[in-house]
Amino acid sequence: MKEFLLVLLVLLVFVVIFQIAKASEYVSVLKGEDKTRKQNNKINAFMLLGFMVFGLLGAWYCNELYYGKTLFVQGSASVEGEELDRMFMMTTAVTGLVFVITQILLFWFAFKYQEKDGKKAFYFPHNNKLELLWTGVPAIVLCVLVVFGLKAWLKITGDAPKNSIVVEVTGHQFGWEFRYPGADKVLGAKNYKLTTGINTLGVDFNDKSSLDDIHVAGTLHIPVGVPCKMVINAQDVIHDVGLVHFRLKMDAVPGIPTTQWFTPKWTTEEMKKRTGNPNFVYEISCDQMCGAGHFSMRGVIIVETMEEYNKWLSTQKPELWTVDPSRAPKEIKTDSIPTKITAQLLKK
């Protein structure tokens, strides 16, 4: 019944609009087409001027209302993201200035040059100087912005600092998995043909570098103030590593590893205080539509001090011990894992 009434209301609105249009047509016939057209032009000119004023005021009001709810207020949580924020603000300032100027001119011209008695439109078909001006200037400005963008892009996708920690990020429908190198600081080889059972990443344990690799699902731990290099993969469709707090994102493409690196500025605990949100967490999201469960493809990043990171790392066991328990040492102290793990595994 509710749907029927809604359809009926819509039809009624159309009928009213149609009747108003017909009435306006009859009035114009009675008054004369020229007089009616001039009156309509004057009304439309004033309405366009009002639309410009209220439109610009509305844009300013929305900015005042919602800017405080954006992540820009928190600032970039990575050192590299600061440059990206500056680049975004610079682009917004340039394009925003052009938008305001062009919109004011557009609506003002519609008002000023409305049809009037005794005024004749000037036919102005072409001007080489104007063509060069409004083509050349935007092209130069956009090229400058592109250069800044390429500089930032080449930095975060180029060689990471030597003191970086390395973590492999693998996306699949619909979750994230992470792999850390062990004491040898080298990620072992993978082969998609080995992706069976609990070896969900297809790690090749015939490669000695794989023997001490650590596999974690869902939650990524990284130390604050230390560059973190991500080696990004996907197992099924294209995903996208979205690090909104760090101002970074990178496609995860099946069969084509991609990389990016960044340096966290604040720990998770510090961000809880900065935001006033005791439940704050850094998130890793999928920024590429990847299927029906795309909305749920979310991971958590815990940024902590180096001492906390090392303590957490010392509690993690190599993936090999889970995949093949027979190769795990029978007795080993938890706090000795980071330093002795490689030697014991290689003896096996």
Protein backbone atom coordinates (compact mmCIF):
# COMPACT_ATOMS: atom_id res chain seq x y z
CA MET A 1 0.00 0.00 0.00
CA LYS A 2 2.84 2.37 0.85
CA GLU A 3 4.53 1.77 -2.51
CA PHE A 4 1.22 2.36 -4.34
CA LEU A 5 0.71 5.72 -2.60
CA LEU A 6 4.27 6.74 -3.45
CA VAL A 7 3.75 5.97 -7.14
CA LEU A 8 0.45 7.86 -7.04
CA LEU A 9 2.18 10.89 -5.48
CA VAL A 10 4.84 10.90 -8.19
CA LEU A 11 2.18 10.78 -10.92
CA LEU A 12 0.33 13.64 -9.22
CA VAL A 13 3.48 15.77 -9.21
CA PHE A 14 3.97 15.15 -12.93
CA VAL A 15 0.36 16.14 -13.62
CA VAL A 16 0.75 19.38 -11.63
CA ILE A 17 3.98 20.26 -13.46
CA PHE A 18 2.33 19.54 -16.80
CA GLN A 19 -0.65 21.77 -15.95
CA ILE A 20 1.62 24.61 -14.82
CA ALA A 21 3.58 24.33 -18.08
CA LYS A 22 0.37 24.48 -20.13
CA ALA A 23 -0.88 27.49 -18.14
CA SER A 24 2.44 29.29 -18.72
CA GLU A 25 2.13 28.58 -22.41
CA TYR A 26 -1.37 30.13 -22.52
CA VAL A 27 -0.16 33.20 -20.59
CA SER A 28 2.74 33.67 -23.02
CA VAL A 29 0.31 33.59 -25.95
CA LEU A 30 -1.83 36.25 -24.30
CA LYS A 31 1.12 38.50 -23.41
CA GLY A 32 3.09 37.90 -26.58
CA GLU A 33 6.12 35.67 -27.02
CA ASP A 34 8.74 38.44 -27.06
CA LYS A 35 7.57 40.02 -23.80
CA THR A 36 7.29 36.65 -22.07
CA ARG A 37 10.75 35.59 -23.24
CA LYS A 38 12.35 38.79 -21.94
CA GLN A 39 10.63 38.43 -18.57
CA ASN A 40 11.78 34.81 -18.32
CA ASN A 41 15.34 35.80 -19.23
CA LYS A 42 15.40 38.43 -16.48
CA ILE A 43 14.02 36.01 -13.91
CA ASN A 44 16.51 33.31 -14.95
CA ALA A 45 19.42 35.77 -14.78
CA PHE A 46 18.59 36.74 -11.18
CA MET A 47 18.06 33.08 -10.26
CA LEU A 48 21.49 32.15 -11.69
CA LEU A 49 23.11 34.94 -9.67
CA GLY A 50 21.36 33.69 -6.53
CA PHE A 51 22.38 30.13 -7.31
CA MET A 52 26.03 31.24 -7.55
CA VAL A 53 25.92 33.01 -4.17
CA PHE A 54 24.11 30.20 -2.34
CA GLY A 55 26.22 27.56 -4.09
CA LEU A 56 29.51 29.09 -3.00
CA LEU A 57 28.18 29.69 0.52
CA GLY A 58 26.99 26.08 0.61
CA ALA A 59 30.43 24.80 -0.43
CA TRP A 60 32.08 26.90 2.29
CA TYR A 61 29.54 25.75 4.91
CA CYS A 62 30.02 22.06 4.03
CA ASN A 63 33.77 22.50 4.41
CA GLU A 64 33.33 24.12 7.82
CA LEU A 65 30.86 21.42 8.85
CA TYR A 66 32.72 18.32 7.71
CA TYR A 67 36.43 19.14 7.53
CA GLY A 68 36.84 18.41 11.22
CA LYS A 69 35.53 14.90 10.63
CA THR A 70 38.14 14.04 8.00
CA LEU A 71 41.51 12.37 8.57
CA PHE A 72 43.34 15.55 7.54
CA VAL A 73 42.77 16.92 11.03
CA GLN A 74 44.82 14.05 12.49
CA GLY A 75 47.70 14.66 10.12
CA SER A 76 49.62 12.01 8.21
CA ALA A 77 50.73 9.11 10.39
CA SER A 78 53.76 8.54 8.15
CA VAL A 79 56.71 10.78 7.30
CA GLU A 80 56.25 10.18 3.57
CA GLY A 81 52.53 10.93 3.82
CA GLU A 82 53.29 14.51 4.88
CA GLU A 83 54.55 15.27 1.38
CA LEU A 84 51.45 13.66 -0.12
CA ASP A 85 49.23 15.81 2.12
CA ARG A 86 51.07 18.94 0.98
CA MET A 87 50.69 17.89 -2.64
CA PHE A 88 46.95 17.27 -2.14
CA MET A 89 46.45 20.64 -0.50
CA MET A 90 48.42 22.39 -3.24
CA THR A 91 46.32 20.69 -5.93
CA THR A 92 43.12 21.56 -4.06
CA ALA A 93 44.20 25.21 -3.72
CA VAL A 94 45.04 25.57 -7.42
CA THR A 95 41.94 23.80 -8.73
CA GLY A 96 39.75 25.42 -6.07
CA LEU A 97 40.90 28.91 -7.07
CA VAL A 98 40.23 28.16 -10.74
CA PHE A 99 36.81 26.72 -9.84
CA VAL A 100 35.75 29.82 -7.87
CA ILE A 101 36.94 32.24 -10.55
CA THR A 102 35.34 30.36 -13.45
CA GLN A 103 32.03 29.85 -11.64
CA ILE A 104 31.78 33.52 -10.66
CA LEU A 105 32.51 34.56 -14.26
CA LEU A 106 30.05 32.00 -15.64
CA PHE A 107 27.08 33.12 -13.53
CA TRP A 108 27.99 36.83 -13.64
CA PHE A 109 28.17 36.78 -17.44
CA ALA A 110 24.75 35.05 -17.57
CA PHE A 111 23.36 37.92 -15.47
CA LYS A 112 25.20 40.84 -17.06
CA TYR A 113 24.70 39.84 -20.68
CA GLN A 114 21.07 38.84 -20.53
CA GLU A 115 18.85 39.83 -23.43
CA LYS A 116 17.95 43.55 -23.42
CA ASP A 117 16.42 45.94 -25.91
CA GLY A 118 19.04 47.73 -27.96
CA LYS A 119 21.74 45.14 -27.20
CA LYS A 120 23.13 42.94 -29.92
CA ALA A 121 25.29 39.89 -29.34
CA PHE A 122 28.86 40.18 -30.60
CA TYR A 123 29.97 37.21 -32.67
CA PHE A 124 33.48 36.23 -31.55
CA PRO A 125 34.42 32.96 -33.31
CA HIS A 126 38.16 32.65 -32.75
CA ASN A 127 41.23 34.20 -31.14
CA ASN A 128 44.66 32.55 -31.29
CA LYS A 129 46.04 34.40 -28.27
CA LEU A 130 43.12 33.35 -26.05
CA GLU A 131 43.36 29.76 -27.29
CA LEU A 132 47.07 29.64 -26.41
CA LEU A 133 46.44 31.28 -23.04
CA TRP A 134 43.69 28.99 -21.75
CA THR A 135 45.37 25.91 -23.20
CA GLY A 136 49.00 26.66 -22.36
CA VAL A 137 48.61 27.93 -18.79
CA PRO A 138 46.54 24.93 -17.52
CA ALA A 139 48.94 22.55 -19.31
CA ILE A 140 51.97 24.08 -17.59
CA VAL A 141 50.29 24.09 -14.16
CA LEU A 142 49.15 20.47 -14.54
CA CYS A 143 52.66 19.42 -15.65
CA VAL A 144 54.11 20.99 -12.50
CA LEU A 145 51.57 19.12 -10.34
CA VAL A 146 52.35 15.87 -12.18
CA VAL A 147 56.09 16.34 -11.54
CA PHE A 148 55.43 16.71 -7.79
CA GLY A 149 53.26 13.58 -7.92
CA LEU A 150 55.87 11.53 -9.79
CA LYS A 151 58.54 12.63 -7.33
CA ALA A 152 56.47 11.41 -4.38
CA TRP A 153 55.49 8.20 -6.21
CA LEU A 154 59.07 7.31 -7.17
CA LYS A 155 60.16 7.88 -3.57
CA ILE A 156 57.68 5.50 -1.90
CA THR A 157 57.97 2.85 -4.63
CA GLY A 158 61.76 3.09 -4.98
CA ASP A 159 64.51 1.53 -2.91
CA ALA A 160 63.69 1.53 0.79
CA PRO A 161 66.32 2.64 3.35
CA LYS A 162 68.77 -0.05 4.41
CA ASN A 163 67.43 -0.12 7.97
CA SER A 164 63.89 -0.96 6.78
CA ILE A 165 61.96 -3.92 8.09
CA VAL A 166 60.45 -6.01 5.31
CA VAL A 167 56.99 -7.54 5.41
CA GLU A 168 55.15 -9.39 2.70
CA VAL A 169 51.46 -8.51 2.34
CA THR A 170 49.19 -10.99 0.55
CA GLY A 171 45.56 -10.27 -0.25
CA HIS A 172 42.86 -12.81 -1.08
CA GLN A 173 39.08 -12.90 -0.96
CA PHE A 174 38.51 -11.55 1.68
CA GLY A 175 41.44 -11.04 4.03
CA TRP A 176 45.09 -10.10 4.47
CA GLU A 177 48.05 -12.29 5.43
CA PHE A 178 51.53 -11.12 6.40
CA ARG A 179 54.94 -12.80 6.27
CA TYR A 180 58.07 -11.59 8.04
CA PRO A 181 61.62 -12.73 7.33
CA GLY A 182 63.34 -14.45 10.23
CA ALA A 183 66.80 -13.86 11.63
CA ASP A 184 68.37 -14.06 8.14
CA LYS A 185 66.36 -10.94 7.16
CA VAL A 186 65.44 -12.53 3.81
CA LEU A 187 62.00 -13.64 2.66
CA GLY A 188 62.03 -17.14 1.23
CA ALA A 189 60.75 -18.15 -2.18
CA LYS A 190 57.11 -18.95 -2.94
CA ASN A 191 55.42 -21.08 -5.56
CA TYR A 192 51.69 -20.92 -6.22
CA LYS A 193 51.70 -24.67 -6.92
CA LEU A 194 52.56 -25.24 -3.25
CA THR A 195 49.47 -23.40 -2.01
CA THR A 196 47.75 -26.36 -0.43
CA GLY A 197 46.40 -27.19 3.02
CA ILE A 198 47.78 -24.96 5.75
CA ASN A 199 50.55 -23.64 3.51
CA THR A 200 48.17 -20.90 2.38
CA LEU A 201 50.93 -18.67 0.98
CA GLY A 202 52.64 -21.39 -1.05
CA VAL A 203 55.99 -20.96 0.69
CA ASP A 204 58.78 -23.12 -0.76
CA PHE A 205 60.48 -24.67 2.26
CA ASN A 206 63.20 -26.13 0.06
CA ASP A 207 64.59 -22.60 0.04
CA LYS A 208 66.71 -22.15 3.17
CA SER A 209 65.61 -18.53 3.46
CA SER A 210 62.02 -19.74 4.03
CA LEU A 211 62.82 -21.88 7.04
CA ASP A 212 62.59 -19.06 9.58
CA ASP A 213 59.86 -16.96 7.94
CA ILE A 214 56.96 -15.96 10.19
CA HIS A 215 53.35 -16.02 8.98
CA VAL A 216 50.65 -13.85 10.61
CA ALA A 217 47.05 -13.35 9.51
CA GLY A 218 44.84 -10.30 10.01
CA THR A 219 47.11 -8.12 12.17
CA LEU A 220 50.33 -6.43 11.09
CA HIS A 221 52.91 -5.32 13.70
CA ILE A 222 55.47 -2.64 12.77
CA PRO A 223 57.81 -0.47 14.87
CA VAL A 224 57.45 3.31 15.03
CA GLY A 225 60.14 5.49 13.45
CA VAL A 226 61.53 2.66 11.34
CA PRO A 227 60.92 2.43 7.57
CA CYS A 228 58.63 -0.46 6.64
CA LYS A 229 58.87 -1.96 3.16
CA MET A 230 55.82 -3.85 1.93
CA VAL A 231 56.13 -6.53 -0.73
CA ILE A 232 52.55 -6.84 -1.97
CA ASN A 233 50.88 -9.84 -3.65
CA ALA A 234 47.40 -11.11 -4.47
CA GLN A 235 46.26 -14.72 -4.79
CA ASP A 236 43.03 -14.47 -6.77
CA VAL A 237 41.81 -11.10 -8.10
CA ILE A 238 43.21 -7.57 -8.00
CA HIS A 239 43.10 -6.07 -4.51
CA ASP A 240 44.51 -2.79 -3.23
CA VAL A 241 46.43 -2.15 -0.03
CA GLY A 242 44.82 0.97 1.41
CA LEU A 243 46.66 2.65 4.28
CA VAL A 244 44.48 5.70 4.76
CA HIS A 245 46.13 6.96 7.96
CA PHE A 246 49.56 6.75 6.30
CA ARG A 247 48.24 8.30 3.03
CA LEU A 248 49.36 5.35 0.92
CA LYS A 249 47.78 2.78 -1.35
CA MET A 250 49.11 0.21 -3.77
CA ASP A 251 47.53 -2.37 -6.07
CA ALA A 252 47.94 -6.04 -5.18
CA VAL A 253 48.10 -7.85 -8.53
CA PRO A 254 48.16 -11.66 -8.96
CA GLY A 255 51.55 -12.76 -10.28
CA ILE A 256 53.08 -9.26 -10.23
CA PRO A 257 54.54 -8.25 -6.82
CA THR A 258 54.46 -4.51 -6.06
CA THR A 259 56.26 -2.57 -3.34
CA GLN A 260 55.91 0.56 -1.26
CA TRP A 261 57.54 1.79 1.93
CA PHE A 262 56.76 4.31 4.65
CA THR A 263 57.92 5.40 8.09
CA PRO A 264 55.29 5.44 10.89
CA LYS A 265 55.35 8.59 13.03
CA TRP A 266 53.14 7.64 15.99
CA THR A 267 52.36 4.42 17.79
CA THR A 268 48.81 3.17 18.06
CA GLU A 269 48.73 4.25 21.72
CA GLU A 270 49.89 7.77 20.80
CA MET A 271 47.18 8.02 18.14
CA LYS A 272 44.55 7.05 20.69
CA LYS A 273 45.58 10.12 22.69
CA ARG A 274 45.89 12.39 19.63
CA THR A 275 42.41 11.49 18.38
CA GLY A 276 40.78 11.20 21.81
CA ASN A 277 39.50 7.81 20.70
CA PRO A 278 40.45 4.93 23.05
CA ASN A 279 39.31 2.45 20.36
CA PHE A 280 41.47 3.89 17.59
CA VAL A 281 43.25 1.40 15.31
CA TYR A 282 45.30 1.80 12.16
CA GLU A 283 43.56 -0.04 9.34
CA ILE A 284 44.61 -1.79 6.18
CA SER A 285 41.68 -1.90 3.78
CA CYS A 286 41.07 -3.15 0.27
CA ASP A 287 40.54 -0.12 -1.97
CA GLN A 288 39.65 -2.14 -5.06
CA MET A 289 36.24 -3.76 -5.53
CA CYS A 290 37.11 -7.45 -5.32
CA GLY A 291 33.85 -9.33 -4.83
CA ALA A 292 30.78 -9.71 -2.65
CA GLY A 293 32.80 -9.64 0.59
CA HIS A 294 34.90 -6.61 -0.36
CA PHE A 295 33.41 -4.53 2.48
CA SER A 296 34.76 -6.96 5.08
CA MET A 297 38.34 -7.10 3.77
CA ARG A 298 39.97 -5.27 6.65
CA GLY A 299 43.14 -5.77 8.63
CA VAL A 300 44.62 -4.07 11.68
CA ILE A 301 48.06 -2.45 11.91
CA ILE A 302 49.64 -2.16 15.33
CA VAL A 303 52.40 0.45 15.45
CA GLU A 304 54.51 0.03 18.57
CA THR A 305 57.91 0.87 19.99
CA MET A 306 60.90 -1.15 18.84
CA GLU A 307 61.07 -2.85 22.25
CA GLU A 308 57.42 -3.89 22.00
CA TYR A 309 57.91 -5.00 18.41
CA ASN A 310 60.91 -7.16 19.27
CA LYS A 311 59.03 -8.64 22.22
CA TRP A 312 56.08 -9.53 19.97
CA LEU A 313 58.41 -10.93 17.30
CA SER A 314 60.12 -13.13 19.87
CA THR A 315 56.80 -14.87 20.61
CA GLN A 316 56.19 -15.79 16.97
CA LYS A 317 57.16 -19.20 15.62
CA PRO A 318 58.28 -19.94 12.06
CA GLU A 319 55.54 -21.02 9.68
CA LEU A 320 57.52 -24.18 8.98
CA TRP A 321 56.81 -25.44 12.49
CA THR A 322 53.08 -25.21 11.78
CA VAL A 323 53.24 -26.70 8.31
CA ASP A 324 55.60 -29.51 9.35
CA PRO A 325 55.59 -29.96 13.17
CA SER A 326 58.19 -32.73 12.89
CA ARG A 327 60.81 -30.13 11.96
CA ALA A 328 60.21 -27.99 15.03
CA PRO A 329 62.80 -28.19 17.85
CA LYS A 330 61.53 -30.22 20.79
CA GLU A 331 62.82 -27.75 23.37
CA ILE A 332 63.50 -24.09 22.76
CA LYS A 333 63.09 -21.05 24.95
CA THR A 334 60.63 -18.48 23.67
CA ASP A 335 62.97 -15.52 24.18
CA SER A 336 65.72 -17.23 22.17
CA ILE A 337 63.72 -17.63 18.98
CA PRO A 338 64.95 -14.51 17.13
CA THR A 339 68.66 -15.23 17.62
CA LYS A 340 68.88 -19.03 17.45
CA ILE A 341 66.06 -19.91 15.15
CA THR A 342 67.96 -19.91 11.85
CA ALA A 343 70.84 -21.99 13.14
CA GLN A 344 68.54 -24.66 14.56
CA LEU A 345 66.45 -24.84 11.40
CA LEU A 346 69.45 -25.13 9.14
CA LYS A 347 70.74 -28.01 11.25
CA LYS A 348 67.50 -29.81 10.52
